[in-house]
Amino acid sequence: MTPLRQRYIEDMHLRGLAPTTQRSYVHYVTGFARFFDSICSTSA
């Protein structure tokens, strides 16, 4: 697990988010990062 992902999960835990909410957030942020990466690599 990357340090950024670990910090994101720890921050969500400190804010009191439910484990299912944390999993959903990580899932959608990962998808957004992949989408953003694909756009950046095709626009160059």
PDB file of N, CA and C in Angstrom:
ATOM      1  N   MET A   1       0.850  -1.169   0.000  1.00  0.00           N
ATOM      2  CA  MET A   1       0.000   0.000   0.000  1.00  0.00           C
ATOM      3  C   MET A   1       0.905   1.244   0.000  1.00  0.00           C
ATOM      4  N   THR A   2       0.550   2.187  -0.861  1.00  0.00           N
ATOM      5  CA  THR A   2       1.357   3.408  -0.943  1.00  0.00           C
ATOM      6  C   THR A   2       1.121   4.275   0.296  1.00  0.00           C
ATOM      7  N   PRO A   3       2.096   5.109   0.629  1.00  0.00           N
ATOM      8  CA  PRO A   3       1.923   5.997   1.786  1.00  0.00           C
ATOM      9  C   PRO A   3       0.713   6.927   1.631  1.00  0.00           C
ATOM     10  N   LEU A   4       0.457   7.389   0.407  1.00  0.00           N
ATOM     11  CA  LEU A   4      -0.685   8.281   0.188  1.00  0.00           C
ATOM     12  C   LEU A   4      -2.004   7.556   0.436  1.00  0.00           C
ATOM     13  N   ARG A   5      -2.106   6.328  -0.056  1.00  0.00           N
ATOM     14  CA  ARG A   5      -3.330   5.553   0.155  1.00  0.00           C
ATOM     15  C   ARG A   5      -3.530   5.260   1.643  1.00  0.00           C
ATOM     16  N   GLN A   6      -2.452   4.913   2.335  1.00  0.00           N
ATOM     17  CA  GLN A   6      -2.533   4.637   3.774  1.00  0.00           C
ATOM     18  C   GLN A   6      -3.008   5.875   4.534  1.00  0.00           C
ATOM     19  N   ARG A   7      -2.472   7.036   4.171  1.00  0.00           N
ATOM     20  CA  ARG A   7      -2.870   8.269   4.851  1.00  0.00           C
ATOM     21  C   ARG A   7      -4.338   8.581   4.579  1.00  0.00           C
ATOM     22  N   TYR A   8      -4.771   8.357   3.336  1.00  0.00           N
ATOM     23  CA  TYR A   8      -6.167   8.596   2.969  1.00  0.00           C
ATOM     24  C   TYR A   8      -7.093   7.726   3.815  1.00  0.00           C
ATOM     25  N   ILE A   9      -6.739   6.468   3.976  1.00  0.00           N
ATOM     26  CA  ILE A   9      -7.550   5.550   4.774  1.00  0.00           C
ATOM     27  C   ILE A   9      -7.533   5.950   6.248  1.00  0.00           C
ATOM     28  N   GLU A  10      -6.369   6.329   6.754  1.00  0.00           N
ATOM     29  CA  GLU A  10      -6.280   6.767   8.154  1.00  0.00           C
ATOM     30  C   GLU A  10      -7.119   8.015   8.392  1.00  0.00           C
ATOM     31  N   ASP A  11      -7.080   8.957   7.456  1.00  0.00           N
ATOM     32  CA  ASP A  11      -7.880  10.177   7.590  1.00  0.00           C
ATOM     33  C   ASP A  11      -9.374   9.866   7.604  1.00  0.00           C
ATOM     34  N   MET A  12      -9.792   8.946   6.748  1.00  0.00           N
ATOM     35  CA  MET A  12     -11.206   8.577   6.729  1.00  0.00           C
ATOM     36  C   MET A  12     -11.598   7.898   8.037  1.00  0.00           C
ATOM     37  N   HIS A  13     -10.689   7.075   8.575  1.00  0.00           N
ATOM     38  CA  HIS A  13     -10.958   6.403   9.847  1.00  0.00           C
ATOM     39  C   HIS A  13     -11.100   7.433  10.973  1.00  0.00           C
ATOM     40  N   LEU A  14     -10.213   8.417  10.994  1.00  0.00           N
ATOM     41  CA  LEU A  14     -10.276   9.453  12.025  1.00  0.00           C
ATOM     42  C   LEU A  14     -11.563  10.267  11.938  1.00  0.00           C
ATOM     43  N   ARG A  15     -12.087  10.421  10.739  1.00  0.00           N
ATOM     44  CA  ARG A  15     -13.330  11.167  10.565  1.00  0.00           C
ATOM     45  C   ARG A  15     -14.559  10.333  10.895  1.00  0.00           C
ATOM     46  N   GLY A  16     -14.335   9.054  11.174  1.00  0.00           N
ATOM     47  CA  GLY A  16     -15.433   8.197  11.603  1.00  0.00           C
ATOM     48  C   GLY A  16     -16.258   7.605  10.471  1.00  0.00           C
ATOM     49  N   LEU A  17     -15.673   7.519   9.276  1.00  0.00           N
ATOM     50  CA  LEU A  17     -16.418   6.931   8.166  1.00  0.00           C
ATOM     51  C   LEU A  17     -16.482   5.416   8.325  1.00  0.00           C
ATOM     52  N   ALA A  18     -17.582   4.846   7.916  1.00  0.00           N
ATOM     53  CA  ALA A  18     -17.783   3.395   8.008  1.00  0.00           C
ATOM     54  C   ALA A  18     -16.808   2.679   7.073  1.00  0.00           C
ATOM     55  N   PRO A  19     -16.429   1.453   7.416  1.00  0.00           N
ATOM     56  CA  PRO A  19     -15.510   0.690   6.557  1.00  0.00           C
ATOM     57  C   PRO A  19     -16.015   0.526   5.119  1.00  0.00           C
ATOM     58  N   THR A  20     -17.321   0.349   4.943  1.00  0.00           N
ATOM     59  CA  THR A  20     -17.842   0.215   3.579  1.00  0.00           C
ATOM     60  C   THR A  20     -17.705   1.531   2.808  1.00  0.00           C
ATOM     61  N   THR A  21     -17.886   2.639   3.484  1.00  0.00           N
ATOM     62  CA  THR A  21     -17.708   3.944   2.849  1.00  0.00           C
ATOM     63  C   THR A  21     -16.249   4.134   2.464  1.00  0.00           C
ATOM     64  N   GLN A  22     -15.347   3.730   3.338  1.00  0.00           N
ATOM     65  CA  GLN A  22     -13.916   3.849   3.044  1.00  0.00           C
ATOM     66  C   GLN A  22     -13.552   3.030   1.809  1.00  0.00           C
ATOM     67  N   ARG A  23     -14.052   1.804   1.727  1.00  0.00           N
ATOM     68  CA  ARG A  23     -13.773   0.957   0.560  1.00  0.00           C
ATOM     69  C   ARG A  23     -14.313   1.591  -0.715  1.00  0.00           C
ATOM     70  N   SER A  24     -15.513   2.140  -0.637  1.00  0.00           N
ATOM     71  CA  SER A  24     -16.102   2.784  -1.808  1.00  0.00           C
ATOM     72  C   SER A  24     -15.280   3.987  -2.251  1.00  0.00           C
ATOM     73  N   TYR A  25     -14.885   4.817  -1.309  1.00  0.00           N
ATOM     74  CA  TYR A  25     -14.093   6.002  -1.641  1.00  0.00           C
ATOM     75  C   TYR A  25     -12.777   5.605  -2.293  1.00  0.00           C
ATOM     76  N   VAL A  26     -12.095   4.626  -1.724  1.00  0.00           N
ATOM     77  CA  VAL A  26     -10.810   4.186  -2.282  1.00  0.00           C
ATOM     78  C   VAL A  26     -11.034   3.624  -3.688  1.00  0.00           C
ATOM     79  N   HIS A  27     -12.100   2.871  -3.869  1.00  0.00           N
ATOM     80  CA  HIS A  27     -12.409   2.297  -5.180  1.00  0.00           C
ATOM     81  C   HIS A  27     -12.593   3.400  -6.226  1.00  0.00           C
ATOM     82  N   TYR A  28     -13.394   4.407  -5.918  1.00  0.00           N
ATOM     83  CA  TYR A  28     -13.686   5.448  -6.893  1.00  0.00           C
ATOM     84  C   TYR A  28     -12.503   6.389  -7.114  1.00  0.00           C
ATOM     85  N   VAL A  29     -11.722   6.654  -6.095  1.00  0.00           N
ATOM     86  CA  VAL A  29     -10.521   7.478  -6.272  1.00  0.00           C
ATOM     87  C   VAL A  29      -9.501   6.741  -7.139  1.00  0.00           C
ATOM     88  N   THR A  30      -9.383   5.431  -6.951  1.00  0.00           N
ATOM     89  CA  THR A  30      -8.485   4.630  -7.788  1.00  0.00           C
ATOM     90  C   THR A  30      -8.926   4.683  -9.246  1.00  0.00           C
ATOM     91  N   GLY A  31     -10.212   4.542  -9.479  1.00  0.00           N
ATOM     92  CA  GLY A  31     -10.734   4.624 -10.845  1.00  0.00           C
ATOM     93  C   GLY A  31     -10.495   5.985 -11.470  1.00  0.00           C
ATOM     94  N   PHE A  32     -10.692   7.040 -10.689  1.00  0.00           N
ATOM     95  CA  PHE A  32     -10.443   8.392 -11.195  1.00  0.00           C
ATOM     96  C   PHE A  32      -8.968   8.579 -11.532  1.00  0.00           C
ATOM     97  N   ALA A  33      -8.090   8.067 -10.686  1.00  0.00           N
ATOM     98  CA  ALA A  33      -6.648   8.194 -10.941  1.00  0.00           C
ATOM     99  C   ALA A  33      -6.265   7.455 -12.217  1.00  0.00           C
ATOM    100  N   ARG A  34      -6.829   6.282 -12.444  1.00  0.00           N
ATOM    101  CA  ARG A  34      -6.552   5.541 -13.686  1.00  0.00           C
ATOM    102  C   ARG A  34      -7.064   6.307 -14.899  1.00  0.00           C
ATOM    103  N   PHE A  35      -8.261   6.860 -14.797  1.00  0.00           N
ATOM    104  CA  PHE A  35      -8.830   7.651 -15.885  1.00  0.00           C
ATOM    105  C   PHE A  35      -7.949   8.864 -16.169  1.00  0.00           C
ATOM    106  N   PHE A  36      -7.561   9.571 -15.131  1.00  0.00           N
ATOM    107  CA  PHE A  36      -6.728  10.761 -15.285  1.00  0.00           C
ATOM    108  C   PHE A  36      -5.389  10.398 -15.898  1.00  0.00           C
ATOM    109  N   ASP A  37      -4.814   9.293 -15.481  1.00  0.00           N
ATOM    110  CA  ASP A  37      -3.533   8.852 -16.025  1.00  0.00           C
ATOM    111  C   ASP A  37      -3.663   8.518 -17.507  1.00  0.00           C
ATOM    112  N   SER A  38      -4.771   7.891 -17.895  1.00  0.00           N
ATOM    113  CA  SER A  38      -4.949   7.542 -19.303  1.00  0.00           C
ATOM    114  C   SER A  38      -5.112   8.789 -20.166  1.00  0.00           C
ATOM    115  N   ILE A  39      -5.781   9.810 -19.653  1.00  0.00           N
ATOM    116  CA  ILE A  39      -5.927  11.051 -20.394  1.00  0.00           C
ATOM    117  C   ILE A  39      -4.581  11.740 -20.554  1.00  0.00           C
ATOM    118  N   CYS A  40      -3.798  11.770 -19.492  1.00  0.00           N
ATOM    119  CA  CYS A  40      -2.495  12.422 -19.543  1.00  0.00           C
ATOM    120  C   CYS A  40      -1.556  11.719 -20.510  1.00  0.00           C
ATOM    121  N   SER A  41      -1.601  10.401 -20.543  1.00  0.00           N
ATOM    122  CA  SER A  41      -0.677   9.672 -21.418  1.00  0.00           C
ATOM    123  C   SER A  41      -1.111   9.761 -22.890  1.00  0.00           C
ATOM    124  N   THR A  42      -2.390   9.938 -23.185  1.00  0.00           N
ATOM    125  CA  THR A  42      -2.821  10.029 -24.576  1.00  0.00           C
ATOM    126  C   THR A  42      -2.722  11.453 -25.116  1.00  0.00           C
ATOM    127  N   SER A  43      -2.702  12.440 -24.253  1.00  0.00           N
ATOM    128  CA  SER A  43      -2.656  13.831 -24.732  1.00  0.00           C
ATOM    129  C   SER A  43      -1.228  14.291 -25.024  1.00  0.00           C
ATOM    130  N   ALA A  44      -0.241  13.514 -24.637  1.00  0.00           N
ATOM    131  CA  ALA A  44       1.148  13.942 -24.840  1.00  0.00           C
ATOM    132  C   ALA A  44       1.651  13.691 -26.229  1.00  0.00           C
TER     133      ALA A  44
END
